[in-house]
Amino acid sequence: MTTNMTSQDLIALEDEFGAHNYHPLDVVLSRGEGVWVWDVEGNKYLDCLAAYSAVNQGHGHPRIVKALVEQACRMALTSRAFRNDQLAFFYRDICQLSGFAKVLPMNTGAEAVETAIKAARKWAYTVKGVPAGQAEILVFSENFHGRTTTIVGFSSEDQYKNGFGPFTPGFTLLPYGDADAAEKAMNPNVAAILVEPIQGEGGIIVPPAGFLKRLRKMTQEHGALLVTDEIQSGLGRTGKLFAYEHEGIRPDIVIIGKALSGGLYPVSAILADDEVMGVFKPGDHGSTYGGNPLGAVVARAALAVLVEEKLVENSAQLGTYAIERLRKLKSPHIKEIRGVGLWIGIELHASAGGARKFCEALQDRGLLCKETHEHVIRVAPPLTISRQELDWALEQLEAVLGGDSMGAQDPTGN
């Protein structure tokens, strides 16, 4: 559907009728292809957010679009009251790729996190023998696992919680990256440790080397589960299929979403082996849309694109290059460059006046990034990005952070 309205017209309409729970950049996008997006006026931008890593395969990947359209024309939804002819293939593909024995599909990332919490608690009561109602889950500061009332209740961000209580008990908040604190918190009632291998919303925070290994060891020693939230960090974003692979560990539960559908349809899941997934019996948990044939087909196509187009490898190679180049940039504004793969956080000094104005300056040059936690610019393009496109994006970052106000040239000449 096309419109003759301007960006300002559409922004005004959105502000009038929509809830004001977001503060987006004032760019109104209408089309996307690969790493590029266009606004309603036809201005072209390189997307360096990739919908918070949901679009790892690029906007409108033709293979995934084709799979979606063909399946939508056949059958989109059965509910789980009946079986469908596509779900089993998705189950097989994701289990063979990940190495886990079982998968439980849902829709959004928050639903998958809630599913993992339920699995961990049920396991604690039925397998570990934790007394009823006493299961405890260790979580970490600056976490972002979703927006449900249970999840925001164990956030360390006051804004995520204010006005939404009372909250679900049973969570202990610890400093991120502090394995000693986690060790001290372990006790017989701990069902699981829930952790992001790298924190995305927190500002692309990479924990100290060995942190995940320590968590893996202590959960094994204390008979608890290790649950990794790979909704943003997984499926190639860090140059590995899953970010936990950088430390050579294997969690008990892995939470996935976002890029599982290439950004075309909400699909999420948890992965686990039989001991954990076996706690669910018919009627314990479910979702009308979770595991629908349309989502199954889209997810299979999205996974095939990641593997066959070697997007994980591209993230590793170009990510290393981008981080090294940005760390050479001499800028009075930059406090730290951190990241893994094509997932980079540029933290600015407080004296820089906040990251948003730099994101707005980048927008003026045709590059779309987004700030987080006031002082961090996130850089996370689709994993389909080429070296030429990445060089152009880095040139814009170097120009803005180095104070160059000159206009930018689109590398494609358009």
Protein backbone atom coordinates (compact mmCIF):
# COMPACT_ATOMS: atom_id res chain seq x y z
CA MET A 1 0.00 0.00 0.00
CA THR A 2 1.44 3.36 -1.04
CA THR A 3 0.67 6.77 0.38
CA ASN A 4 0.98 10.34 -0.81
CA MET A 5 1.47 11.60 2.74
CA THR A 6 4.81 13.10 3.76
CA SER A 7 6.97 11.88 6.63
CA GLN A 8 5.77 14.77 8.78
CA ASP A 9 2.14 13.96 7.98
CA LEU A 10 2.63 10.35 9.03
CA ILE A 11 4.54 11.29 12.18
CA ALA A 12 1.72 13.63 13.18
CA LEU A 13 -0.87 10.92 12.52
CA GLU A 14 1.10 8.39 14.56
CA ASP A 15 1.51 10.83 17.44
CA GLU A 16 -2.22 11.56 17.44
CA PHE A 17 -3.49 7.98 17.50
CA GLY A 18 -0.61 5.85 18.80
CA ALA A 19 0.63 5.21 22.33
CA HIS A 20 3.79 7.20 23.05
CA ASN A 21 5.89 4.31 24.34
CA TYR A 22 8.71 4.72 21.80
CA HIS A 23 11.08 7.53 20.86
CA PRO A 24 12.12 6.59 17.33
CA LEU A 25 14.28 8.60 15.00
CA ASP A 26 12.07 10.75 12.79
CA VAL A 27 12.54 8.72 9.63
CA VAL A 28 9.45 7.06 8.12
CA LEU A 29 10.52 3.96 6.21
CA SER A 30 8.44 2.45 3.45
CA ARG A 31 10.65 -0.10 1.68
CA GLY A 32 13.66 -2.31 2.34
CA GLU A 33 15.97 -4.48 0.28
CA GLY A 34 19.06 -6.17 1.64
CA VAL A 35 20.93 -3.69 3.84
CA TRP A 36 19.13 -0.70 2.33
CA VAL A 37 15.87 1.01 3.29
CA TRP A 38 13.98 3.95 1.80
CA ASP A 39 11.72 6.54 3.41
CA VAL A 40 8.42 7.78 2.00
CA GLU A 41 10.19 10.62 0.20
CA GLY A 42 12.50 8.14 -1.51
CA ASN A 43 15.65 8.91 0.50
CA LYS A 44 17.93 5.89 0.83
CA TYR A 45 19.62 4.69 4.03
CA LEU A 46 21.92 1.86 5.07
CA ASP A 47 20.28 0.05 7.99
CA CYS A 48 22.79 -0.44 10.79
CA LEU A 49 20.31 -1.71 13.36
CA ALA A 50 18.74 -4.63 11.45
CA ALA A 51 15.60 -4.42 13.60
CA TYR A 52 17.61 -5.31 16.71
CA SER A 53 19.14 -8.29 14.84
CA ALA A 54 15.81 -9.64 13.55
CA VAL A 55 16.90 -8.86 9.98
CA ASN A 56 20.23 -10.68 9.97
CA GLN A 57 19.37 -12.07 6.52
CA GLY A 58 18.64 -8.59 5.13
CA HIS A 59 15.35 -6.92 4.35
CA GLY A 60 12.98 -8.92 2.17
CA HIS A 61 15.32 -11.79 1.42
CA PRO A 62 13.74 -13.29 -1.73
CA ARG A 63 14.11 -16.89 -0.59
CA ILE A 64 12.35 -16.25 2.72
CA VAL A 65 9.68 -14.07 1.09
CA LYS A 66 8.99 -16.80 -1.46
CA ALA A 67 8.61 -19.40 1.28
CA LEU A 68 6.26 -17.12 3.23
CA VAL A 69 4.04 -16.27 0.27
CA GLU A 70 3.76 -19.85 -0.99
CA GLN A 71 2.90 -21.23 2.46
CA ALA A 72 0.47 -18.38 3.21
CA CYS A 73 -1.42 -19.34 0.07
CA ARG A 74 -1.62 -22.97 1.23
CA MET A 75 -2.23 -22.74 4.99
CA ALA A 76 -1.12 -20.27 7.64
CA LEU A 77 -2.60 -21.49 10.92
CA THR A 78 -4.00 -24.70 12.38
CA SER A 79 -3.42 -24.04 16.09
CA ARG A 80 -1.79 -26.91 17.95
CA ALA A 81 -5.14 -28.68 18.25
CA PHE A 82 -4.07 -30.41 15.03
CA ARG A 83 -0.75 -31.35 13.50
CA ASN A 84 0.50 -29.68 10.34
CA ASP A 85 2.78 -30.90 7.57
CA GLN A 86 5.55 -28.32 8.09
CA LEU A 87 6.35 -28.25 11.80
CA ALA A 88 8.25 -31.54 11.92
CA PHE A 89 10.70 -30.30 9.28
CA PHE A 90 11.41 -27.14 11.27
CA TYR A 91 11.93 -29.25 14.40
CA ARG A 92 14.41 -31.47 12.56
CA ASP A 93 16.32 -28.59 10.96
CA ILE A 94 16.81 -26.47 14.08
CA CYS A 95 17.70 -29.47 16.26
CA GLN A 96 20.24 -30.78 13.75
CA LEU A 97 21.75 -27.32 13.35
CA SER A 98 21.91 -26.51 17.06
CA GLY A 99 22.74 -29.95 18.42
CA PHE A 100 19.87 -29.96 20.94
CA ALA A 101 17.43 -32.83 21.12
CA LYS A 102 14.18 -30.88 21.38
CA VAL A 103 12.61 -27.54 20.48
CA LEU A 104 9.50 -25.78 21.76
CA PRO A 105 8.28 -23.05 19.39
CA MET A 106 6.60 -19.79 20.36
CA ASN A 107 6.21 -16.41 18.63
CA THR A 108 7.93 -13.47 20.30
CA GLY A 109 11.18 -13.34 22.21
CA ALA A 110 9.44 -12.48 25.47
CA GLU A 111 7.22 -15.55 25.09
CA ALA A 112 10.29 -17.71 24.64
CA VAL A 113 11.89 -16.24 27.77
CA GLU A 114 8.70 -16.93 29.73
CA THR A 115 8.76 -20.48 28.35
CA ALA A 116 12.35 -20.94 29.53
CA ILE A 117 11.45 -19.65 33.00
CA LYS A 118 8.53 -22.10 33.21
CA ALA A 119 10.75 -24.96 32.01
CA ALA A 120 13.45 -24.15 34.57
CA ARG A 121 10.97 -23.94 37.44
CA LYS A 122 9.12 -27.11 36.43
CA TRP A 123 12.45 -28.92 36.14
CA ALA A 124 13.50 -27.68 39.58
CA TYR A 125 10.36 -29.07 41.20
CA THR A 126 10.00 -32.33 39.27
CA VAL A 127 13.63 -33.30 38.69
CA LYS A 128 15.87 -31.46 41.17
CA GLY A 129 13.41 -31.66 44.05
CA VAL A 130 13.24 -27.99 45.06
CA PRO A 131 10.38 -27.47 47.57
CA ALA A 132 7.17 -26.19 45.97
CA GLY A 133 7.17 -22.45 45.40
CA GLN A 134 10.84 -21.99 46.37
CA ALA A 135 12.63 -22.11 43.02
CA GLU A 136 15.09 -19.26 42.46
CA ILE A 137 16.56 -17.97 39.21
CA LEU A 138 19.74 -15.88 39.17
CA VAL A 139 19.74 -12.97 36.72
CA PHE A 140 22.06 -10.04 35.99
CA SER A 141 22.05 -6.27 36.09
CA GLU A 142 21.44 -4.36 32.84
CA ASN A 143 19.65 -7.40 31.47
CA PHE A 144 17.00 -7.16 28.80
CA HIS A 145 14.88 -10.26 28.36
CA GLY A 146 11.57 -8.72 27.31
CA ARG A 147 8.64 -6.62 28.49
CA THR A 148 6.22 -8.91 30.34
CA THR A 149 5.47 -8.06 33.96
CA THR A 150 7.46 -11.08 35.15
CA ILE A 151 10.48 -10.13 33.06
CA VAL A 152 10.57 -6.41 33.83
CA GLY A 153 10.26 -7.31 37.50
CA PHE A 154 13.84 -8.59 37.49
CA SER A 155 15.25 -5.75 35.39
CA SER A 156 17.71 -3.31 36.92
CA GLU A 157 16.30 -0.48 34.76
CA ASP A 158 13.86 1.55 36.85
CA GLN A 159 11.90 2.84 33.86
CA TYR A 160 11.08 -0.69 32.74
CA LYS A 161 9.49 -1.38 36.15
CA ASN A 162 7.95 1.88 37.35
CA GLY A 163 4.19 1.62 37.63
CA PHE A 164 3.93 -2.05 36.62
CA GLY A 165 4.22 -3.89 39.97
CA PRO A 166 3.67 -6.04 41.94
CA PHE A 167 6.20 -8.38 40.39
CA THR A 168 6.79 -12.10 40.30
CA PRO A 169 9.11 -13.28 43.10
CA GLY A 170 11.88 -15.83 42.72
CA PHE A 171 14.61 -13.84 40.94
CA THR A 172 17.95 -12.69 42.38
CA LEU A 173 19.70 -9.82 40.60
CA LEU A 174 23.51 -9.94 40.41
CA PRO A 175 26.20 -7.77 38.78
CA TYR A 176 26.72 -8.77 35.15
CA GLY A 177 30.10 -10.35 34.52
CA ASP A 178 30.71 -11.10 38.22
CA ALA A 179 31.09 -14.85 38.47
CA ASP A 180 32.15 -14.62 42.12
CA ALA A 181 28.81 -12.98 42.99
CA ALA A 182 26.99 -15.76 41.17
CA GLU A 183 28.97 -18.40 43.03
CA LYS A 184 28.07 -16.82 46.38
CA ALA A 185 24.40 -16.70 45.42
CA MET A 186 24.19 -20.40 44.55
CA ASN A 187 22.08 -22.44 46.97
CA PRO A 188 19.99 -25.63 46.85
CA ASN A 189 16.88 -23.77 45.63
CA VAL A 190 18.54 -22.26 42.56
CA ALA A 191 16.79 -23.68 39.53
CA ALA A 192 18.78 -21.80 36.90
CA ILE A 193 21.03 -18.95 35.91
CA LEU A 194 19.53 -16.85 33.10
CA VAL A 195 22.09 -14.82 31.19
CA GLU A 196 22.71 -12.99 27.93
CA PRO A 197 26.15 -14.12 26.66
CA ILE A 198 26.56 -10.54 25.45
CA GLN A 199 24.13 -7.83 26.53
CA GLY A 200 22.57 -6.04 23.58
CA GLU A 201 20.13 -3.50 25.01
CA GLY A 202 22.60 -2.90 27.83
CA GLY A 203 25.01 -1.41 25.29
CA ILE A 204 26.77 -4.37 23.63
CA ILE A 205 28.38 -5.37 26.93
CA VAL A 206 30.88 -8.22 26.53
CA PRO A 207 31.54 -9.98 29.86
CA PRO A 208 35.04 -10.86 31.06
CA ALA A 209 36.64 -13.88 29.39
CA GLY A 210 35.73 -17.04 31.24
CA PHE A 211 32.49 -15.68 32.71
CA LEU A 212 30.23 -18.14 30.92
CA LYS A 213 32.61 -21.00 31.63
CA ARG A 214 32.42 -20.20 35.33
CA LEU A 215 28.63 -20.09 35.20
CA ARG A 216 28.56 -23.41 33.35
CA LYS A 217 30.84 -25.05 35.91
CA MET A 218 28.95 -23.77 38.95
CA THR A 219 25.55 -24.77 37.59
CA GLN A 220 26.84 -28.26 36.96
CA GLU A 221 28.37 -28.48 40.42
CA HIS A 222 25.21 -27.21 42.13
CA GLY A 223 22.71 -29.12 40.00
CA ALA A 224 21.15 -26.08 38.33
CA LEU A 225 20.43 -25.16 34.72
CA LEU A 226 22.29 -22.64 32.60
CA VAL A 227 19.90 -20.72 30.36
CA THR A 228 21.32 -18.43 27.67
CA ASP A 229 19.18 -15.77 26.02
CA GLU A 230 20.40 -15.72 22.42
CA ILE A 231 17.46 -13.77 20.99
CA GLN A 232 19.73 -10.96 19.80
CA SER A 233 23.17 -12.54 20.12
CA GLY A 234 22.33 -15.80 18.38
CA LEU A 235 21.97 -16.92 14.77
CA GLY A 236 25.18 -15.41 13.50
CA ARG A 237 25.22 -11.94 14.99
CA THR A 238 28.55 -12.42 16.83
CA GLY A 239 30.30 -14.49 14.17
CA LYS A 240 29.21 -17.80 15.71
CA LEU A 241 25.85 -19.50 15.36
CA PHE A 242 25.39 -18.82 19.09
CA ALA A 243 27.40 -16.41 21.21
CA TYR A 244 28.00 -18.99 23.94
CA GLU A 245 30.20 -20.89 21.47
CA HIS A 246 32.90 -18.27 21.91
CA GLU A 247 33.61 -19.82 25.33
CA GLY A 248 33.22 -23.41 24.23
CA ILE A 249 30.31 -24.23 26.53
CA ARG A 250 26.89 -25.82 26.05
CA PRO A 251 23.92 -24.45 28.04
CA ASP A 252 20.93 -26.48 29.18
CA ILE A 253 18.38 -24.16 27.57
CA VAL A 254 18.93 -21.73 24.67
CA ILE A 255 16.36 -19.04 23.87
CA ILE A 256 16.14 -17.92 20.25
CA GLY A 257 13.97 -15.55 18.23
CA LYS A 258 14.31 -12.43 16.05
CA ALA A 259 16.50 -13.64 13.12
CA LEU A 260 14.84 -17.06 13.36
CA SER A 261 12.36 -15.65 10.85
CA GLY A 262 14.59 -13.21 8.99
CA GLY A 263 12.37 -10.38 10.21
CA LEU A 264 9.33 -11.47 8.20
CA TYR A 265 7.20 -13.11 10.87
CA PRO A 266 7.37 -13.58 14.66
CA VAL A 267 9.00 -16.93 15.45
CA SER A 268 10.83 -17.85 18.66
CA ALA A 269 11.72 -21.03 20.50
CA ILE A 270 13.64 -22.65 23.29
CA LEU A 271 16.12 -25.46 22.68
CA ALA A 272 16.94 -28.11 25.27
CA ASP A 273 17.61 -31.80 25.70
CA ASP A 274 15.10 -34.44 26.81
CA GLU A 275 15.73 -34.13 30.57
CA VAL A 276 14.57 -30.51 30.54
CA MET A 277 12.01 -30.51 27.74
CA GLY A 278 10.46 -33.68 29.12
CA VAL A 279 8.97 -31.74 32.05
CA PHE A 280 6.23 -30.42 29.74
CA LYS A 281 3.16 -32.60 29.46
CA PRO A 282 0.07 -31.96 27.29
CA GLY A 283 -1.73 -28.92 28.66
CA ASP A 284 1.25 -27.52 30.62
CA HIS A 285 2.12 -24.82 28.10
CA GLY A 286 1.12 -23.66 24.65
CA SER A 287 0.33 -20.96 22.13
CA THR A 288 -2.33 -20.62 19.44
CA TYR A 289 0.20 -19.35 16.92
CA GLY A 290 3.33 -21.06 18.23
CA GLY A 291 4.43 -23.79 15.80
CA ASN A 292 2.09 -22.74 13.02
CA PRO A 293 2.94 -23.92 9.48
CA LEU A 294 3.65 -20.43 8.18
CA GLY A 295 6.16 -19.74 10.95
CA ALA A 296 7.74 -23.16 10.49
CA VAL A 297 8.32 -22.64 6.78
CA VAL A 298 9.65 -19.11 7.26
CA ALA A 299 12.05 -20.23 9.99
CA ARG A 300 13.38 -23.10 7.86
CA ALA A 301 14.07 -20.71 5.01
CA ALA A 302 15.71 -18.18 7.34
CA LEU A 303 18.02 -20.84 8.81
CA ALA A 304 18.91 -22.13 5.34
CA VAL A 305 19.89 -18.62 4.24
CA LEU A 306 22.13 -18.17 7.29
CA VAL A 307 23.96 -21.41 6.60
CA GLU A 308 24.09 -21.58 2.81
CA GLU A 309 25.02 -17.93 2.29
CA LYS A 310 27.68 -18.19 5.02
CA LEU A 311 26.33 -15.20 6.90
CA VAL A 312 27.82 -16.36 10.20
CA GLU A 313 31.26 -16.41 8.59
CA ASN A 314 30.66 -12.99 7.03
CA SER A 315 29.78 -11.59 10.44
CA ALA A 316 33.00 -12.95 11.93
CA GLN A 317 35.23 -11.65 9.17
CA LEU A 318 33.68 -8.21 8.64
CA GLY A 319 33.03 -7.74 12.35
CA THR A 320 36.69 -8.14 13.19
CA TYR A 321 37.58 -5.69 10.44
CA ALA A 322 35.01 -3.10 11.55
CA ILE A 323 35.98 -3.23 15.22
CA GLU A 324 39.69 -2.89 14.44
CA ARG A 325 39.02 0.07 12.15
CA LEU A 326 36.77 1.86 14.64
CA ARG A 327 39.31 1.39 17.42
CA LYS A 328 41.83 3.32 15.30
CA LEU A 329 39.48 6.28 15.02
CA LYS A 330 40.78 9.28 16.92
CA SER A 331 37.80 11.08 18.40
CA PRO A 332 37.38 13.12 21.58
CA HIS A 333 33.87 11.70 21.90
CA ILE A 334 34.64 7.97 22.04
CA LYS A 335 35.10 6.31 25.40
CA GLU A 336 35.19 2.68 24.21
CA ILE A 337 34.60 0.49 21.18
CA ARG A 338 33.37 -2.99 22.08
CA GLY A 339 31.66 -5.86 20.36
CA VAL A 340 31.93 -9.26 18.71
CA GLY A 341 31.14 -9.95 15.07
CA LEU A 342 28.86 -7.41 13.44
CA TRP A 343 27.52 -6.31 16.81
CA ILE A 344 29.36 -3.20 17.94
CA GLY A 345 28.78 -0.67 20.69
CA ILE A 346 30.37 2.78 20.47
CA GLU A 347 30.26 4.24 23.96
CA LEU A 348 30.65 7.99 24.13
CA HIS A 349 31.91 10.17 26.96
CA ALA A 350 29.18 11.96 28.89
CA SER A 351 30.73 15.20 27.67
CA ALA A 352 29.68 14.27 24.12
CA GLY A 353 26.11 15.17 25.03
CA GLY A 354 24.43 11.83 24.39
CA ALA A 355 24.41 9.37 21.51
CA ARG A 356 21.10 10.44 19.98
CA LYS A 357 22.39 13.58 18.32
CA PHE A 358 25.11 11.51 16.65
CA CYS A 359 22.48 9.04 15.43
CA GLU A 360 20.52 11.96 14.00
CA ALA A 361 23.65 13.24 12.27
CA LEU A 362 24.26 9.78 10.83
CA GLN A 363 20.66 9.70 9.61
CA ASP A 364 21.32 12.94 7.72
CA ARG A 365 24.20 11.15 6.00
CA GLY A 366 22.11 8.10 5.07
CA LEU A 367 23.13 5.74 7.88
CA LEU A 368 20.59 4.48 10.43
CA CYS A 369 21.85 3.59 13.89
CA LYS A 370 20.10 3.81 17.25
CA GLU A 371 21.26 4.88 20.66
CA THR A 372 20.88 2.82 23.82
CA HIS A 373 21.41 3.76 27.44
CA GLU A 374 21.93 7.40 26.39
CA HIS A 375 25.64 7.21 25.59
CA VAL A 376 26.01 4.16 23.29
CA ILE A 377 25.60 3.97 19.52
CA ARG A 378 24.72 0.46 18.33
CA VAL A 379 26.10 -0.77 15.02
CA ALA A 380 24.48 -3.99 13.81
CA PRO A 381 23.86 -4.17 10.06
CA PRO A 382 22.28 -7.17 8.33
CA LEU A 383 24.82 -9.97 8.03
CA THR A 384 24.44 -9.81 4.25
CA ILE A 385 26.42 -6.56 4.16
CA SER A 386 29.34 -6.43 1.72
CA ARG A 387 32.81 -5.08 2.42
CA GLN A 388 32.07 -2.11 0.15
CA GLU A 389 28.84 -1.28 1.96
CA LEU A 390 30.51 -1.69 5.33
CA ASP A 391 33.35 0.61 4.32
CA TRP A 392 30.82 3.26 3.37
CA ALA A 393 29.04 2.88 6.72
CA LEU A 394 32.33 3.15 8.59
CA GLU A 395 33.20 6.29 6.65
CA GLN A 396 29.99 7.92 7.87
CA LEU A 397 30.71 6.94 11.46
CA GLU A 398 34.26 8.23 11.19
CA ALA A 399 33.07 11.50 9.69
CA VAL A 400 30.38 12.16 12.31
CA LEU A 401 32.41 11.05 15.32
CA GLY A 402 35.44 12.89 13.98
CA GLY A 403 33.43 16.07 13.43
CA ASP A 404 33.21 16.04 9.62
CA SER A 405 29.97 17.70 8.52
CA MET A 406 30.44 17.05 4.80
CA GLY A 407 27.70 15.17 2.94
CA ALA A 408 27.95 11.49 2.11
CA GLN A 409 27.93 9.70 -1.23
CA ASP A 410 25.94 6.49 -1.63
CA PRO A 411 28.45 3.78 -2.68
CA THR A 412 25.96 2.39 -5.19
CA GLY A 413 25.71 5.77 -6.90
CA ASN A 414 21.97 6.10 -6.28
